[in-house]
């Protein structure tokens, strides 16, 4: 099975936008871990949220890649 990266671009699907939000939140968490003076609990909490976001983003991308895109044209 070959990968067709065009399947990721499905802006009419909510899952596409959720994937983008998960990726942005992961980036924000990585920034927070690097730049903010967090205590141990804060670091663990932000790291856990970042890992959850990465996992959910990858799951969303996998579902988008697996499913056929909706037909273009029409509503």
N, C-alpha and C. Protein backbone atom coordinates (compact mmCIF):
# COMPACT_ATOMS: atom_id res chain seq x y z
N UNK A 1 0.84 -1.17 0.00
CA UNK A 1 0.00 0.00 0.00
C UNK A 1 0.89 1.24 0.00
N UNK A 2 0.72 2.09 -0.98
CA UNK A 2 1.53 3.30 -1.04
C UNK A 2 0.81 4.43 -0.30
N UNK A 3 1.60 5.33 0.22
CA UNK A 3 1.03 6.46 0.95
C UNK A 3 0.66 7.56 -0.03
N UNK A 4 -0.52 8.07 0.11
CA UNK A 4 -0.98 9.19 -0.68
C UNK A 4 -1.19 10.36 0.28
N UNK A 5 -0.19 11.25 0.34
CA UNK A 5 -0.21 12.33 1.31
C UNK A 5 -1.35 13.31 1.06
N UNK A 6 -1.94 13.29 -0.12
CA UNK A 6 -3.07 14.19 -0.38
C UNK A 6 -4.28 13.83 0.47
N UNK A 7 -4.31 12.63 0.98
CA UNK A 7 -5.43 12.24 1.83
C UNK A 7 -5.46 13.00 3.14
N UNK A 8 -4.31 13.53 3.56
CA UNK A 8 -4.30 14.32 4.79
C UNK A 8 -5.04 15.64 4.62
N UNK A 9 -5.01 16.20 3.43
CA UNK A 9 -5.63 17.50 3.19
C UNK A 9 -7.12 17.31 2.94
N UNK A 10 -7.89 17.40 4.01
CA UNK A 10 -9.34 17.26 3.94
C UNK A 10 -9.98 18.33 4.81
N UNK A 11 -9.89 19.61 4.38
CA UNK A 11 -10.35 20.71 5.24
C UNK A 11 -11.85 20.72 5.50
N UNK A 12 -12.61 19.91 4.78
CA UNK A 12 -14.05 19.85 5.04
C UNK A 12 -14.39 18.91 6.21
N UNK A 13 -13.41 18.18 6.67
CA UNK A 13 -13.64 17.25 7.78
C UNK A 13 -13.14 17.85 9.09
N UNK A 14 -13.93 17.67 10.13
CA UNK A 14 -13.56 18.15 11.45
C UNK A 14 -12.26 17.49 11.93
N UNK A 15 -12.06 16.24 11.59
CA UNK A 15 -10.87 15.51 12.03
C UNK A 15 -9.59 16.16 11.52
N UNK A 16 -9.62 16.73 10.33
CA UNK A 16 -8.47 17.44 9.78
C UNK A 16 -8.09 18.60 10.69
N UNK A 17 -9.08 19.39 11.10
CA UNK A 17 -8.81 20.54 11.95
C UNK A 17 -8.40 20.12 13.35
N UNK A 18 -8.95 19.02 13.83
CA UNK A 18 -8.52 18.50 15.13
C UNK A 18 -7.05 18.07 15.07
N UNK A 19 -6.65 17.45 13.98
CA UNK A 19 -5.25 17.05 13.81
C UNK A 19 -4.34 18.27 13.88
N UNK A 20 -4.74 19.35 13.21
CA UNK A 20 -3.93 20.57 13.24
C UNK A 20 -3.86 21.17 14.64
N UNK A 21 -4.98 21.18 15.34
CA UNK A 21 -5.00 21.72 16.71
C UNK A 21 -4.11 20.88 17.63
N UNK A 22 -4.17 19.56 17.51
CA UNK A 22 -3.31 18.71 18.33
C UNK A 22 -1.84 19.01 18.05
N UNK A 23 -1.48 19.21 16.80
CA UNK A 23 -0.08 19.51 16.47
C UNK A 23 0.35 20.87 17.00
N UNK A 24 -0.52 21.86 16.93
CA UNK A 24 -0.19 23.18 17.48
C UNK A 24 -0.04 23.11 18.99
N UNK A 25 -0.96 22.39 19.65
CA UNK A 25 -0.86 22.26 21.11
C UNK A 25 0.41 21.52 21.53
N UNK A 26 0.82 20.54 20.76
CA UNK A 26 2.07 19.84 21.06
C UNK A 26 3.25 20.79 20.95
N UNK A 27 3.23 21.65 19.95
CA UNK A 27 4.31 22.63 19.80
C UNK A 27 4.32 23.62 20.95
N UNK A 28 3.14 24.06 21.37
CA UNK A 28 3.07 24.97 22.51
C UNK A 28 3.57 24.31 23.80
N UNK A 29 3.24 23.05 23.98
CA UNK A 29 3.72 22.34 25.16
C UNK A 29 5.24 22.19 25.13
N UNK A 30 5.79 21.90 23.96
CA UNK A 30 7.25 21.79 23.83
C UNK A 30 7.92 23.12 24.14
N UNK A 31 7.31 24.21 23.65
CA UNK A 31 7.84 25.55 23.96
C UNK A 31 7.78 25.79 25.47
N UNK A 32 6.66 25.45 26.11
CA UNK A 32 6.51 25.67 27.55
C UNK A 32 7.53 24.86 28.34
N UNK A 33 7.78 23.65 27.91
CA UNK A 33 8.77 22.83 28.62
C UNK A 33 10.17 23.42 28.52
N UNK A 34 10.45 24.04 27.39
CA UNK A 34 11.78 24.61 27.18
C UNK A 34 11.95 25.97 27.85
N UNK A 35 10.93 26.80 27.81
CA UNK A 35 11.09 28.20 28.18
C UNK A 35 10.57 28.58 29.55
N UNK A 36 9.58 27.89 30.06
CA UNK A 36 8.97 28.29 31.33
C UNK A 36 9.63 27.59 32.52
N UNK A 37 9.77 28.32 33.62
CA UNK A 37 10.36 27.71 34.83
C UNK A 37 9.30 26.90 35.58
N UNK A 38 9.11 25.66 35.19
CA UNK A 38 8.09 24.81 35.80
C UNK A 38 8.72 23.95 36.90
N UNK A 39 7.92 23.67 37.94
CA UNK A 39 8.40 22.71 38.94
C UNK A 39 8.22 21.30 38.38
N UNK A 40 8.56 20.31 39.16
CA UNK A 40 8.53 18.93 38.68
C UNK A 40 7.12 18.50 38.28
N UNK A 41 6.13 18.83 39.08
CA UNK A 41 4.76 18.46 38.76
C UNK A 41 4.29 19.15 37.48
N UNK A 42 4.60 20.43 37.34
CA UNK A 42 4.24 21.16 36.13
C UNK A 42 4.91 20.59 34.90
N UNK A 43 6.18 20.24 35.02
CA UNK A 43 6.90 19.65 33.90
C UNK A 43 6.28 18.32 33.50
N UNK A 44 5.96 17.49 34.47
CA UNK A 44 5.35 16.19 34.17
C UNK A 44 3.98 16.36 33.54
N UNK A 45 3.21 17.29 34.05
CA UNK A 45 1.86 17.52 33.52
C UNK A 45 1.91 18.03 32.08
N UNK A 46 2.76 19.01 31.81
CA UNK A 46 2.87 19.56 30.45
C UNK A 46 3.43 18.50 29.51
N UNK A 47 4.39 17.72 29.96
CA UNK A 47 4.95 16.65 29.12
C UNK A 47 3.90 15.60 28.81
N UNK A 48 3.07 15.26 29.79
CA UNK A 48 2.00 14.28 29.57
C UNK A 48 0.99 14.80 28.56
N UNK A 49 0.60 16.07 28.69
CA UNK A 49 -0.34 16.67 27.74
C UNK A 49 0.28 16.71 26.34
N UNK A 50 1.56 17.04 26.25
CA UNK A 50 2.24 17.07 24.95
C UNK A 50 2.23 15.69 24.30
N UNK A 51 2.52 14.67 25.08
CA UNK A 51 2.53 13.31 24.53
C UNK A 51 1.13 12.86 24.12
N UNK A 52 0.12 13.23 24.89
CA UNK A 52 -1.26 12.93 24.50
C UNK A 52 -1.61 13.61 23.17
N UNK A 53 -1.22 14.86 23.03
CA UNK A 53 -1.50 15.59 21.80
C UNK A 53 -0.80 14.95 20.61
N UNK A 54 0.42 14.54 20.79
CA UNK A 54 1.14 13.86 19.70
C UNK A 54 0.41 12.58 19.32
N UNK A 55 0.01 11.80 20.33
CA UNK A 55 -0.70 10.55 20.05
C UNK A 55 -2.02 10.78 19.33
N UNK A 56 -2.80 11.74 19.80
CA UNK A 56 -4.08 12.03 19.16
C UNK A 56 -3.89 12.60 17.76
N UNK A 57 -2.86 13.42 17.57
CA UNK A 57 -2.57 13.95 16.24
C UNK A 57 -2.18 12.86 15.26
N UNK A 58 -1.37 11.91 15.74
CA UNK A 58 -0.98 10.78 14.88
C UNK A 58 -2.17 9.88 14.57
N UNK A 59 -3.02 9.68 15.55
CA UNK A 59 -4.22 8.87 15.32
C UNK A 59 -5.14 9.54 14.30
N UNK A 60 -5.33 10.84 14.42
CA UNK A 60 -6.16 11.57 13.46
C UNK A 60 -5.55 11.49 12.07
N UNK A 61 -4.23 11.64 11.95
CA UNK A 61 -3.58 11.55 10.65
C UNK A 61 -3.74 10.15 10.07
N UNK A 62 -3.64 9.13 10.91
CA UNK A 62 -3.79 7.75 10.43
C UNK A 62 -5.20 7.51 9.90
N UNK A 63 -6.20 8.02 10.62
CA UNK A 63 -7.59 7.86 10.17
C UNK A 63 -7.81 8.60 8.85
N UNK A 64 -7.27 9.81 8.73
CA UNK A 64 -7.41 10.56 7.49
C UNK A 64 -6.72 9.85 6.33
N UNK A 65 -5.57 9.27 6.58
CA UNK A 65 -4.84 8.56 5.52
C UNK A 65 -5.56 7.27 5.11
N UNK A 66 -6.22 6.65 6.06
CA UNK A 66 -6.89 5.38 5.80
C UNK A 66 -8.19 5.58 5.02
N UNK A 67 -8.95 6.62 5.36
CA UNK A 67 -10.25 6.86 4.73
C UNK A 67 -10.09 7.56 3.40
N UNK A 68 -11.00 7.27 2.49
CA UNK A 68 -11.04 7.97 1.21
C UNK A 68 -11.58 9.39 1.46
N UNK A 69 -10.99 10.39 0.79
CA UNK A 69 -11.53 11.75 0.95
C UNK A 69 -12.95 11.85 0.38
N UNK A 70 -13.71 12.77 0.92
CA UNK A 70 -15.07 12.99 0.44
C UNK A 70 -15.02 13.49 -0.99
N UNK A 71 -16.08 13.22 -1.74
CA UNK A 71 -16.13 13.65 -3.13
C UNK A 71 -16.08 15.16 -3.21
N UNK A 72 -15.36 15.66 -4.18
CA UNK A 72 -15.27 17.11 -4.37
C UNK A 72 -16.44 17.60 -5.18
N UNK A 73 -16.92 18.75 -4.84
CA UNK A 73 -18.08 19.30 -5.54
C UNK A 73 -19.34 18.91 -4.79
N UNK A 74 -20.30 19.76 -4.86
CA UNK A 74 -21.55 19.48 -4.15
C UNK A 74 -21.38 19.73 -2.67
N UNK A 75 -22.43 19.58 -1.93
CA UNK A 75 -22.36 19.77 -0.48
C UNK A 75 -22.28 18.48 0.19
